[in-house]
Amino acid sequence: MGCSDEIFDFLLKQHSEKEVEPFILCIAVYADPHFANIETFESWWNIENLALGGKKPKALAQTKSGIEQVLQYLVQLE
């Protein structure tokens, strides 16, 4: 079982609800099974990812196109 509630809490501490909103469905449906605990998600969120062009998901989430790229990645985890 994943940790989507903890992931949302973690994201809401760093970003506004409006910024986190696009991630809600993706995290609940696609990412939740892949992140067994908040530590796993947190390390993924803060580490450069080759599948995301060598950028951190956290950094990409600052722009609309970056959010789309992160969401596409989460969908591919499925």
PDB file of N, CA and C in Angstrom:
ATOM      1  N   MET A   1       0.844  -1.189   0.000  1.00  0.00           N
ATOM      2  CA  MET A   1       0.000   0.000   0.000  1.00  0.00           C
ATOM      3  C   MET A   1       0.882   1.241   0.000  1.00  0.00           C
ATOM      4  N   GLY A   2       0.479   2.243  -0.724  1.00  0.00           N
ATOM      5  CA  GLY A   2       1.259   3.454  -0.834  1.00  0.00           C
ATOM      6  C   GLY A   2       0.979   4.436   0.285  1.00  0.00           C
ATOM      7  N   CYS A   3       1.389   5.645   0.054  1.00  0.00           N
ATOM      8  CA  CYS A   3       1.307   6.660   1.111  1.00  0.00           C
ATOM      9  C   CYS A   3       0.824   7.995   0.543  1.00  0.00           C
ATOM     10  N   SER A   4      -0.227   7.978  -0.257  1.00  0.00           N
ATOM     11  CA  SER A   4      -0.656   9.196  -0.938  1.00  0.00           C
ATOM     12  C   SER A   4      -1.010  10.329   0.020  1.00  0.00           C
ATOM     13  N   ASP A   5      -1.634  10.050   1.158  1.00  0.00           N
ATOM     14  CA  ASP A   5      -1.964  11.127   2.098  1.00  0.00           C
ATOM     15  C   ASP A   5      -0.704  11.817   2.605  1.00  0.00           C
ATOM     16  N   GLU A   6       0.316  11.030   2.932  1.00  0.00           N
ATOM     17  CA  GLU A   6       1.578  11.616   3.388  1.00  0.00           C
ATOM     18  C   GLU A   6       2.253  12.409   2.275  1.00  0.00           C
ATOM     19  N   ILE A   7       2.147  11.918   1.043  1.00  0.00           N
ATOM     20  CA  ILE A   7       2.729  12.628  -0.101  1.00  0.00           C
ATOM     21  C   ILE A   7       2.045  13.979  -0.271  1.00  0.00           C
ATOM     22  N   PHE A   8       0.717  14.014  -0.192  1.00  0.00           N
ATOM     23  CA  PHE A   8       0.005  15.280  -0.333  1.00  0.00           C
ATOM     24  C   PHE A   8       0.394  16.251   0.777  1.00  0.00           C
ATOM     25  N   ASP A   9       0.477  15.763   2.011  1.00  0.00           N
ATOM     26  CA  ASP A   9       0.886  16.618   3.134  1.00  0.00           C
ATOM     27  C   ASP A   9       2.278  17.190   2.895  1.00  0.00           C
ATOM     28  N   PHE A  10       3.189  16.341   2.433  1.00  0.00           N
ATOM     29  CA  PHE A  10       4.557  16.758   2.138  1.00  0.00           C
ATOM     30  C   PHE A  10       4.559  17.859   1.077  1.00  0.00           C
ATOM     31  N   LEU A  11       3.808  17.659  -0.008  1.00  0.00           N
ATOM     32  CA  LEU A  11       3.772  18.644  -1.086  1.00  0.00           C
ATOM     33  C   LEU A  11       3.115  19.948  -0.641  1.00  0.00           C
ATOM     34  N   LEU A  12       2.062  19.840   0.175  1.00  0.00           N
ATOM     35  CA  LEU A  12       1.358  21.044   0.622  1.00  0.00           C
ATOM     36  C   LEU A  12       2.185  21.884   1.591  1.00  0.00           C
ATOM     37  N   LYS A  13       3.173  21.285   2.227  1.00  0.00           N
ATOM     38  CA  LYS A  13       4.065  22.053   3.098  1.00  0.00           C
ATOM     39  C   LYS A  13       5.004  22.924   2.269  1.00  0.00           C
ATOM     40  N   GLN A  14       5.244  22.532   1.022  1.00  0.00           N
ATOM     41  CA  GLN A  14       6.201  23.242   0.173  1.00  0.00           C
ATOM     42  C   GLN A  14       5.545  24.088  -0.920  1.00  0.00           C
ATOM     43  N   HIS A  15       4.306  23.732  -1.273  1.00  0.00           N
ATOM     44  CA  HIS A  15       3.645  24.377  -2.404  1.00  0.00           C
ATOM     45  C   HIS A  15       2.205  24.721  -2.039  1.00  0.00           C
ATOM     46  N   SER A  16       1.630  25.635  -2.800  1.00  0.00           N
ATOM     47  CA  SER A  16       0.228  25.991  -2.574  1.00  0.00           C
ATOM     48  C   SER A  16      -0.676  24.846  -3.033  1.00  0.00           C
ATOM     49  N   GLU A  17      -1.904  24.881  -2.552  1.00  0.00           N
ATOM     50  CA  GLU A  17      -2.866  23.849  -2.952  1.00  0.00           C
ATOM     51  C   GLU A  17      -3.080  23.862  -4.461  1.00  0.00           C
ATOM     52  N   LYS A  18      -3.071  25.048  -5.049  1.00  0.00           N
ATOM     53  CA  LYS A  18      -3.249  25.177  -6.496  1.00  0.00           C
ATOM     54  C   LYS A  18      -2.116  24.483  -7.257  1.00  0.00           C
ATOM     55  N   GLU A  19      -0.894  24.584  -6.741  1.00  0.00           N
ATOM     56  CA  GLU A  19       0.247  23.945  -7.399  1.00  0.00           C
ATOM     57  C   GLU A  19       0.193  22.426  -7.255  1.00  0.00           C
ATOM     58  N   VAL A  20      -0.327  21.949  -6.136  1.00  0.00           N
ATOM     59  CA  VAL A  20      -0.363  20.509  -5.860  1.00  0.00           C
ATOM     60  C   VAL A  20      -1.548  19.834  -6.561  1.00  0.00           C
ATOM     61  N   GLU A  21      -2.579  20.596  -6.813  1.00  0.00           N
ATOM     62  CA  GLU A  21      -3.812  20.040  -7.379  1.00  0.00           C
ATOM     63  C   GLU A  21      -3.609  19.133  -8.595  1.00  0.00           C
ATOM     64  N   PRO A  22      -2.770  19.506  -9.576  1.00  0.00           N
ATOM     65  CA  PRO A  22      -2.606  18.631 -10.741  1.00  0.00           C
ATOM     66  C   PRO A  22      -2.029  17.250 -10.398  1.00  0.00           C
ATOM     67  N   PHE A  23      -1.354  17.141  -9.259  1.00  0.00           N
ATOM     68  CA  PHE A  23      -0.723  15.880  -8.885  1.00  0.00           C
ATOM     69  C   PHE A  23      -1.663  14.912  -8.172  1.00  0.00           C
ATOM     70  N   ILE A  24      -2.776  15.413  -7.651  1.00  0.00           N
ATOM     71  CA  ILE A  24      -3.610  14.599  -6.770  1.00  0.00           C
ATOM     72  C   ILE A  24      -4.032  13.287  -7.415  1.00  0.00           C
ATOM     73  N   LEU A  25      -4.679  13.347  -8.555  1.00  0.00           N
ATOM     74  CA  LEU A  25      -5.152  12.123  -9.207  1.00  0.00           C
ATOM     75  C   LEU A  25      -3.990  11.244  -9.634  1.00  0.00           C
ATOM     76  N   CYS A  26      -2.965  11.861 -10.199  1.00  0.00           N
ATOM     77  CA  CYS A  26      -1.814  11.080 -10.658  1.00  0.00           C
ATOM     78  C   CYS A  26      -1.145  10.342  -9.515  1.00  0.00           C
ATOM     79  N   ILE A  27      -0.963  11.000  -8.402  1.00  0.00           N
ATOM     80  CA  ILE A  27      -0.311  10.345  -7.268  1.00  0.00           C
ATOM     81  C   ILE A  27      -1.197   9.235  -6.723  1.00  0.00           C
ATOM     82  N   ALA A  28      -2.478   9.522  -6.565  1.00  0.00           N
ATOM     83  CA  ALA A  28      -3.384   8.528  -5.996  1.00  0.00           C
ATOM     84  C   ALA A  28      -3.507   7.291  -6.883  1.00  0.00           C
ATOM     85  N   VAL A  29      -3.559   7.483  -8.186  1.00  0.00           N
ATOM     86  CA  VAL A  29      -3.786   6.361  -9.094  1.00  0.00           C
ATOM     87  C   VAL A  29      -2.491   5.705  -9.565  1.00  0.00           C
ATOM     88  N   TYR A  30      -1.519   6.503  -9.956  1.00  0.00           N
ATOM     89  CA  TYR A  30      -0.327   5.954 -10.594  1.00  0.00           C
ATOM     90  C   TYR A  30       0.875   5.820  -9.672  1.00  0.00           C
ATOM     91  N   ALA A  31       1.141   6.841  -8.880  1.00  0.00           N
ATOM     92  CA  ALA A  31       2.375   6.837  -8.084  1.00  0.00           C
ATOM     93  C   ALA A  31       2.242   6.107  -6.764  1.00  0.00           C
ATOM     94  N   ASP A  32       1.069   6.163  -6.159  1.00  0.00           N
ATOM     95  CA  ASP A  32       0.885   5.601  -4.825  1.00  0.00           C
ATOM     96  C   ASP A  32       1.428   4.175  -4.697  1.00  0.00           C
ATOM     97  N   PRO A  33       1.158   3.277  -5.630  1.00  0.00           N
ATOM     98  CA  PRO A  33       1.696   1.909  -5.466  1.00  0.00           C
ATOM     99  C   PRO A  33       3.220   1.820  -5.545  1.00  0.00           C
ATOM    100  N   HIS A  34       3.851   2.836  -6.110  1.00  0.00           N
ATOM    101  CA  HIS A  34       5.300   2.792  -6.318  1.00  0.00           C
ATOM    102  C   HIS A  34       6.110   3.426  -5.197  1.00  0.00           C
ATOM    103  N   PHE A  35       5.451   4.180  -4.344  1.00  0.00           N
ATOM    104  CA  PHE A  35       6.127   4.825  -3.226  1.00  0.00           C
ATOM    105  C   PHE A  35       5.593   4.218  -1.939  1.00  0.00           C
ATOM    106  N   ALA A  36       6.344   3.296  -1.372  1.00  0.00           N
ATOM    107  CA  ALA A  36       5.886   2.550  -0.197  1.00  0.00           C
ATOM    108  C   ALA A  36       5.813   3.420   1.053  1.00  0.00           C
ATOM    109  N   ASN A  37       6.599   4.500   1.075  1.00  0.00           N
ATOM    110  CA  ASN A  37       6.574   5.395   2.232  1.00  0.00           C
ATOM    111  C   ASN A  37       6.978   6.792   1.784  1.00  0.00           C
ATOM    112  N   ILE A  38       6.794   7.739   2.661  1.00  0.00           N
ATOM    113  CA  ILE A  38       7.069   9.135   2.318  1.00  0.00           C
ATOM    114  C   ILE A  38       8.554   9.365   2.048  1.00  0.00           C
ATOM    115  N   GLU A  39       9.407   8.617   2.686  1.00  0.00           N
ATOM    116  CA  GLU A  39      10.847   8.776   2.459  1.00  0.00           C
ATOM    117  C   GLU A  39      11.218   8.433   1.017  1.00  0.00           C
ATOM    118  N   THR A  40      10.599   7.389   0.480  1.00  0.00           N
ATOM    119  CA  THR A  40      10.854   6.989  -0.909  1.00  0.00           C
ATOM    120  C   THR A  40      10.418   8.097  -1.857  1.00  0.00           C
ATOM    121  N   PHE A  41       9.229   8.638  -1.622  1.00  0.00           N
ATOM    122  CA  PHE A  41       8.738   9.725  -2.467  1.00  0.00           C
ATOM    123  C   PHE A  41       9.628  10.955  -2.334  1.00  0.00           C
ATOM    124  N   GLU A  42       9.959  11.306  -1.105  1.00  0.00           N
ATOM    125  CA  GLU A  42      10.759  12.506  -0.852  1.00  0.00           C
ATOM    126  C   GLU A  42      12.114  12.433  -1.553  1.00  0.00           C
ATOM    127  N   SER A  43      12.745  11.274  -1.513  1.00  0.00           N
ATOM    128  CA  SER A  43      14.042  11.155  -2.188  1.00  0.00           C
ATOM    129  C   SER A  43      13.859  11.253  -3.701  1.00  0.00           C
ATOM    130  N   TRP A  44      12.799  10.659  -4.253  1.00  0.00           N
ATOM    131  CA  TRP A  44      12.525  10.763  -5.692  1.00  0.00           C
ATOM    132  C   TRP A  44      12.251  12.219  -6.058  1.00  0.00           C
ATOM    133  N   TRP A  45      11.494  12.923  -5.262  1.00  0.00           N
ATOM    134  CA  TRP A  45      11.089  14.304  -5.520  1.00  0.00           C
ATOM    135  C   TRP A  45      12.287  15.252  -5.556  1.00  0.00           C
ATOM    136  N   ASN A  46      13.311  14.943  -4.763  1.00  0.00           N
ATOM    137  CA  ASN A  46      14.442  15.852  -4.591  1.00  0.00           C
ATOM    138  C   ASN A  46      15.714  15.432  -5.320  1.00  0.00           C
ATOM    139  N   ILE A  47      15.673  14.366  -6.109  1.00  0.00           N
ATOM    140  CA  ILE A  47      16.875  13.867  -6.784  1.00  0.00           C
ATOM    141  C   ILE A  47      16.723  14.020  -8.298  1.00  0.00           C
ATOM    142  N   GLU A  48      17.814  14.387  -8.937  1.00  0.00           N
ATOM    143  CA  GLU A  48      17.809  14.487 -10.398  1.00  0.00           C
ATOM    144  C   GLU A  48      17.437  13.138 -10.994  1.00  0.00           C
ATOM    145  N   ASN A  49      16.584  13.176 -12.019  1.00  0.00           N
ATOM    146  CA  ASN A  49      16.049  11.959 -12.603  1.00  0.00           C
ATOM    147  C   ASN A  49      16.356  11.947 -14.100  1.00  0.00           C
ATOM    148  N   LEU A  50      17.078  10.945 -14.545  1.00  0.00           N
ATOM    149  CA  LEU A  50      17.435  10.867 -15.964  1.00  0.00           C
ATOM    150  C   LEU A  50      16.211  10.790 -16.859  1.00  0.00           C
ATOM    151  N   ALA A  51      15.160  10.138 -16.391  1.00  0.00           N
ATOM    152  CA  ALA A  51      13.929  10.027 -17.177  1.00  0.00           C
ATOM    153  C   ALA A  51      13.230  11.384 -17.327  1.00  0.00           C
ATOM    154  N   LEU A  52      13.619  12.330 -16.503  1.00  0.00           N
ATOM    155  CA  LEU A  52      13.055  13.688 -16.571  1.00  0.00           C
ATOM    156  C   LEU A  52      14.102  14.674 -17.089  1.00  0.00           C
ATOM    157  N   GLY A  53      14.973  14.194 -17.926  1.00  0.00           N
ATOM    158  CA  GLY A  53      15.990  15.050 -18.518  1.00  0.00           C
ATOM    159  C   GLY A  53      17.074  15.485 -17.546  1.00  0.00           C
ATOM    160  N   GLY A  54      17.284  14.687 -16.505  1.00  0.00           N
ATOM    161  CA  GLY A  54      18.305  15.002 -15.522  1.00  0.00           C
ATOM    162  C   GLY A  54      17.890  16.078 -14.525  1.00  0.00           C
ATOM    163  N   LYS A  55      16.601  16.398 -14.499  1.00  0.00           N
ATOM    164  CA  LYS A  55      16.110  17.435 -13.590  1.00  0.00           C
ATOM    165  C   LYS A  55      15.376  16.811 -12.408  1.00  0.00           C
ATOM    166  N   LYS A  56      15.267  17.574 -11.342  1.00  0.00           N
ATOM    167  CA  LYS A  56      14.526  17.127 -10.161  1.00  0.00           C
ATOM    168  C   LYS A  56      13.031  17.351 -10.393  1.00  0.00           C
ATOM    169  N   PRO A  57      12.182  16.397 -10.020  1.00  0.00           N
ATOM    170  CA  PRO A  57      10.743  16.623 -10.133  1.00  0.00           C
ATOM    171  C   PRO A  57      10.318  17.907  -9.421  1.00  0.00           C
ATOM    172  N   LYS A  58      10.920  18.172  -8.268  1.00  0.00           N
ATOM    173  CA  LYS A  58      10.615  19.376  -7.496  1.00  0.00           C
ATOM    174  C   LYS A  58      10.856  20.634  -8.327  1.00  0.00           C
ATOM    175  N   ALA A  59      11.950  20.672  -9.060  1.00  0.00           N
ATOM    176  CA  ALA A  59      12.274  21.829  -9.886  1.00  0.00           C
ATOM    177  C   ALA A  59      11.332  21.937 -11.085  1.00  0.00           C
ATOM    178  N   LEU A  60      11.033  20.811 -11.700  1.00  0.00           N
ATOM    179  CA  LEU A  60      10.135  20.813 -12.854  1.00  0.00           C
ATOM    180  C   LEU A  60       8.736  21.283 -12.475  1.00  0.00           C
ATOM    181  N   ALA A  61       8.311  20.980 -11.270  1.00  0.00           N
ATOM    182  CA  ALA A  61       6.947  21.302 -10.832  1.00  0.00           C
ATOM    183  C   ALA A  61       6.706  22.803 -10.699  1.00  0.00           C
ATOM    184  N   GLN A  62       7.716  23.604 -10.949  1.00  0.00           N
ATOM    185  CA  GLN A  62       7.573  25.052 -10.841  1.00  0.00           C
ATOM    186  C   GLN A  62       6.944  25.679 -12.085  1.00  0.00           C
ATOM    187  N   THR A  63       6.870  24.908 -13.182  1.00  0.00           N
ATOM    188  CA  THR A  63       6.274  25.434 -14.415  1.00  0.00           C
ATOM    189  C   THR A  63       5.190  24.485 -14.902  1.00  0.00           C
ATOM    190  N   LYS A  64       4.286  25.018 -15.700  1.00  0.00           N
ATOM    191  CA  LYS A  64       3.188  24.197 -16.226  1.00  0.00           C
ATOM    192  C   LYS A  64       3.732  23.066 -17.102  1.00  0.00           C
ATOM    193  N   SER A  65       4.668  23.362 -17.973  1.00  0.00           N
ATOM    194  CA  SER A  65       5.220  22.315 -18.840  1.00  0.00           C
ATOM    195  C   SER A  65       5.989  21.284 -18.015  1.00  0.00           C
ATOM    196  N   GLY A  66       6.650  21.739 -16.950  1.00  0.00           N
ATOM    197  CA  GLY A  66       7.358  20.823 -16.069  1.00  0.00           C
ATOM    198  C   GLY A  66       6.401  19.908 -15.319  1.00  0.00           C
ATOM    199  N   ILE A  67       5.281  20.478 -14.854  1.00  0.00           N
ATOM    200  CA  ILE A  67       4.258  19.667 -14.184  1.00  0.00           C
ATOM    201  C   ILE A  67       3.761  18.592 -15.130  1.00  0.00           C
ATOM    202  N   GLU A  68       3.520  18.952 -16.377  1.00  0.00           N
ATOM    203  CA  GLU A  68       3.060  17.980 -17.371  1.00  0.00           C
ATOM    204  C   GLU A  68       4.091  16.866 -17.556  1.00  0.00           C
ATOM    205  N   GLN A  69       5.352  17.217 -17.568  1.00  0.00           N
ATOM    206  CA  GLN A  69       6.420  16.226 -17.726  1.00  0.00           C
ATOM    207  C   GLN A  69       6.451  15.268 -16.526  1.00  0.00           C
ATOM    208  N   VAL A  70       6.319  15.810 -15.319  1.00  0.00           N
ATOM    209  CA  VAL A  70       6.308  14.970 -14.115  1.00  0.00           C
ATOM    210  C   VAL A  70       5.085  14.065 -14.116  1.00  0.00           C
ATOM    211  N   LEU A  71       3.927  14.610 -14.493  1.00  0.00           N
ATOM    212  CA  LEU A  71       2.709  13.799 -14.533  1.00  0.00           C
ATOM    213  C   LEU A  71       2.825  12.674 -15.551  1.00  0.00           C
ATOM    214  N   GLN A  72       3.402  12.953 -16.703  1.00  0.00           N
ATOM    215  CA  GLN A  72       3.612  11.906 -17.708  1.00  0.00           C
ATOM    216  C   GLN A  72       4.513  10.813 -17.160  1.00  0.00           C
ATOM    217  N   TYR A  73       5.534  11.197 -16.425  1.00  0.00           N
ATOM    218  CA  TYR A  73       6.432  10.217 -15.815  1.00  0.00           C
ATOM    219  C   TYR A  73       5.670   9.348 -14.827  1.00  0.00           C
ATOM    220  N   LEU A  74       4.844   9.967 -13.968  1.00  0.00           N
ATOM    221  CA  LEU A  74       4.081   9.202 -12.991  1.00  0.00           C
ATOM    222  C   LEU A  74       3.140   8.217 -13.684  1.00  0.00           C
ATOM    223  N   VAL A  75       2.533   8.630 -14.786  1.00  0.00           N
ATOM    224  CA  VAL A  75       1.644   7.731 -15.534  1.00  0.00           C
ATOM    225  C   VAL A  75       2.442   6.551 -16.077  1.00  0.00           C
ATOM    226  N   GLN A  76       3.674   6.795 -16.528  1.00  0.00           N
ATOM    227  CA  GLN A  76       4.509   5.724 -17.080  1.00  0.00           C
ATOM    228  C   GLN A  76       4.929   4.725 -16.011  1.00  0.00           C
ATOM    229  N   LEU A  77       4.922   5.130 -14.732  1.00  0.00           N
ATOM    230  CA  LEU A  77       5.265   4.184 -13.656  1.00  0.00           C
ATOM    231  C   LEU A  77       4.277   3.026 -13.623  1.00  0.00           C
ATOM    232  N   GLU A  78       3.039   3.312 -14.013  1.00  0.00           N
ATOM    233  CA  GLU A  78       2.003   2.287 -14.008  1.00  0.00           C
ATOM    234  C   GLU A  78       2.393   1.205 -14.966  1.00  0.00           C
TER     235      GLU A  78
END
